[in-house]
Amino acid sequence: MQEITIFSPASVANVNCGFDTLGFALQDLGDEMILRKVPKKGIKIVKITGANIPLETKKNVAGVAGLALLEHLNLDYGFELEIKKNLRIGGGLGGSAASAAGVVFGINQFLKKPLSLEELTYFGMKGEAVASGNEHADNLAPSIYGGFTLITSYKPFHVVQLP
């Protein structure tokens, strides 16, 4: 496989008493990404539509999350990334989380030994720090897991998928 298209769902966090711990994914609203495997290591964002966000990898939520995962994996290849933002930035539907979730989930599809959803969430949080200044998973975990999620601990990091 050389290319994959990913749908990364919007999410709602801060649900009732679960402030910064409880969230859920939405089914039909989200961002789309195309990841293309390339010989050069790293992440290169080649196109963004739907939002005025940085193409520069180290200033982009998806770029930072993807780089964190690639550094951990030490792969001998990299990815080009196209992002179609369907979620308004700052709109309360986890727009930055959808970007971070999409790239780590997409990279995972290329691996012979895929990482767990919890591991992907951990690396996605590195990208979320670009948008908010700290690593958190209240929107990110639902975008990766789907449905409802509960973050029970950050140290050690642990996510529970709720029925």
Protein backbone atom coordinates (compact mmCIF):
# COMPACT_ATOMS: atom_id res chain seq x y z
CA MET A 1 0.00 0.00 0.00
CA GLN A 2 1.33 3.42 -0.96
CA GLU A 3 -1.61 5.71 -0.13
CA ILE A 4 -4.57 5.77 2.21
CA THR A 5 -7.51 8.13 2.74
CA ILE A 6 -8.65 8.58 6.35
CA PHE A 7 -11.84 10.05 7.81
CA SER A 8 -11.18 11.45 11.28
CA PRO A 9 -14.35 12.22 13.25
CA ALA A 10 -15.27 15.34 15.14
CA SER A 11 -15.71 14.91 18.87
CA VAL A 12 -17.33 16.50 21.89
CA ALA A 13 -15.47 16.62 25.19
CA ASN A 14 -16.14 18.03 28.64
CA VAL A 15 -19.29 15.95 28.84
CA ASN A 16 -21.19 16.74 32.05
CA CYS A 17 -19.01 15.96 35.07
CA GLY A 18 -16.27 14.45 32.88
CA PHE A 19 -14.41 17.73 32.26
CA ASP A 20 -11.24 16.92 30.25
CA THR A 21 -11.78 13.20 30.79
CA LEU A 22 -15.01 12.13 29.08
CA GLY A 23 -15.80 12.60 25.40
CA PHE A 24 -17.49 11.07 22.39
CA ALA A 25 -16.98 10.94 18.62
CA LEU A 26 -19.53 12.09 16.07
CA GLN A 27 -20.35 9.77 13.21
CA ASP A 28 -20.74 11.93 10.10
CA LEU A 29 -18.74 15.11 10.76
CA GLY A 30 -14.96 15.19 10.55
CA ASP A 31 -11.80 15.85 8.58
CA GLU A 32 -10.33 13.89 5.71
CA MET A 33 -6.66 13.13 5.12
CA ILE A 34 -4.61 11.46 2.45
CA LEU A 35 -1.35 9.88 3.58
CA ARG A 36 1.14 8.89 0.92
CA LYS A 37 4.16 6.72 1.75
CA VAL A 38 7.39 8.28 0.42
CA PRO A 39 11.07 7.24 0.59
CA LYS A 40 12.18 10.37 2.49
CA LYS A 41 11.85 10.14 6.30
CA GLY A 42 9.55 12.56 8.10
CA ILE A 43 6.22 14.23 7.37
CA LYS A 44 5.67 16.74 4.59
CA ILE A 45 2.30 18.50 4.48
CA VAL A 46 1.70 19.17 0.79
CA LYS A 47 -1.85 20.56 0.80
CA ILE A 48 -4.45 21.92 3.21
CA THR A 49 -7.96 22.94 2.21
CA GLY A 50 -10.78 24.31 4.34
CA ALA A 51 -8.70 26.18 6.92
CA ASN A 52 -5.81 28.60 7.16
CA ILE A 53 -3.43 26.46 9.21
CA PRO A 54 0.35 26.09 8.84
CA LEU A 55 1.85 23.83 6.17
CA GLU A 56 5.06 23.81 8.20
CA THR A 57 5.21 20.38 9.82
CA LYS A 58 6.52 21.50 13.22
CA LYS A 59 3.79 24.16 13.54
CA ASN A 60 0.91 21.90 12.50
CA VAL A 61 -0.96 19.61 14.92
CA ALA A 62 -1.00 16.71 12.46
CA GLY A 63 2.64 17.26 11.56
CA VAL A 64 3.83 17.22 15.17
CA ALA A 65 1.74 14.15 16.08
CA GLY A 66 2.96 12.29 13.00
CA LEU A 67 6.60 13.22 13.65
CA ALA A 68 6.35 12.04 17.26
CA LEU A 69 5.07 8.67 16.11
CA LEU A 70 7.67 8.36 13.35
CA GLU A 71 10.52 9.20 15.74
CA HIS A 72 9.31 6.45 18.06
CA LEU A 73 9.03 3.93 15.22
CA ASN A 74 12.32 4.89 13.50
CA LEU A 75 10.98 3.91 10.08
CA ASP A 76 13.14 4.12 6.96
CA TYR A 77 10.38 5.95 5.08
CA GLY A 78 8.06 8.91 5.63
CA PHE A 79 4.75 10.41 4.49
CA GLU A 80 3.26 13.20 2.48
CA LEU A 81 0.02 14.48 3.93
CA GLU A 82 -2.99 16.25 2.46
CA ILE A 83 -5.57 17.63 4.90
CA LYS A 84 -9.14 18.58 4.09
CA LYS A 85 -10.41 20.47 7.14
CA ASN A 86 -14.15 20.13 7.40
CA LEU A 87 -14.14 21.21 11.06
CA ARG A 88 -13.89 24.87 11.98
CA ILE A 89 -10.87 25.62 14.14
CA GLY A 90 -12.02 26.70 17.61
CA GLY A 91 -15.55 25.48 16.89
CA GLY A 92 -15.75 23.14 19.89
CA LEU A 93 -15.80 19.92 17.86
CA GLY A 94 -12.21 18.78 18.32
CA GLY A 95 -10.79 20.16 15.08
CA SER A 96 -7.19 19.91 16.23
CA ALA A 97 -7.81 16.47 17.74
CA ALA A 98 -9.23 15.21 14.44
CA SER A 99 -6.01 16.25 12.68
CA ALA A 100 -3.77 14.57 15.25
CA ALA A 101 -5.95 11.45 15.37
CA GLY A 102 -6.11 11.12 11.60
CA VAL A 103 -2.38 11.18 11.01
CA VAL A 104 -1.41 8.71 13.75
CA PHE A 105 -4.28 6.36 12.84
CA GLY A 106 -3.30 6.60 9.17
CA ILE A 107 0.39 5.89 9.76
CA ASN A 108 -0.60 2.90 11.88
CA GLN A 109 -2.32 1.34 8.85
CA PHE A 110 1.07 1.06 7.10
CA LEU A 111 2.77 -0.84 9.95
CA LYS A 112 3.40 -4.57 9.98
CA LYS A 113 2.92 -4.53 13.76
CA PRO A 114 0.29 -1.84 14.43
CA LEU A 115 0.29 0.03 17.72
CA SER A 116 -2.63 -0.06 20.15
CA LEU A 117 -5.26 2.68 20.14
CA GLU A 118 -3.93 3.86 23.51
CA GLU A 119 -0.41 4.19 22.08
CA LEU A 120 -1.77 6.14 19.11
CA THR A 121 -3.63 8.45 21.48
CA TYR A 122 -0.42 9.06 23.43
CA PHE A 123 1.41 10.19 20.26
CA GLY A 124 -1.58 12.22 19.10
CA MET A 125 -1.38 14.24 22.33
CA LYS A 126 2.00 15.57 21.19
CA GLY A 127 0.18 17.31 18.34
CA GLU A 128 -2.62 18.57 20.60
CA ALA A 129 0.01 20.44 22.61
CA VAL A 130 0.64 22.63 19.54
CA ALA A 131 -2.99 23.80 19.56
CA SER A 132 -3.60 24.17 23.29
CA GLY A 133 -0.23 24.36 25.01
CA ASN A 134 -0.59 21.04 26.83
CA GLU A 135 -1.02 17.37 26.04
CA HIS A 136 -4.59 16.20 26.56
CA ALA A 137 -6.83 13.53 25.10
CA ASP A 138 -10.42 14.49 25.88
CA ASN A 139 -11.24 15.04 22.19
CA LEU A 140 -8.41 12.97 20.76
CA ALA A 141 -9.29 9.62 22.37
CA PRO A 142 -12.86 9.60 21.02
CA SER A 143 -11.58 10.45 17.53
CA ILE A 144 -9.22 7.48 17.63
CA TYR A 145 -11.38 4.94 19.47
CA GLY A 146 -14.82 6.02 18.25
CA GLY A 147 -17.83 6.22 20.56
CA PHE A 148 -17.42 7.30 24.19
CA THR A 149 -14.06 7.28 25.98
CA LEU A 150 -12.94 8.02 29.51
CA ILE A 151 -9.39 9.03 30.36
CA THR A 152 -8.84 7.47 33.78
CA SER A 153 -5.22 8.58 34.20
CA TYR A 154 -2.53 10.59 32.45
CA LYS A 155 0.36 9.20 34.54
CA PRO A 156 0.33 6.39 33.68
CA PHE A 157 -1.71 7.16 30.60
CA HIS A 158 -4.88 5.06 30.34
CA VAL A 159 -8.05 5.28 28.25
CA VAL A 160 -11.23 3.23 28.67
CA GLN A 161 -13.63 2.78 25.79
CA LEU A 162 -17.19 2.91 27.12
CA PRO A 163 -20.07 0.91 25.63
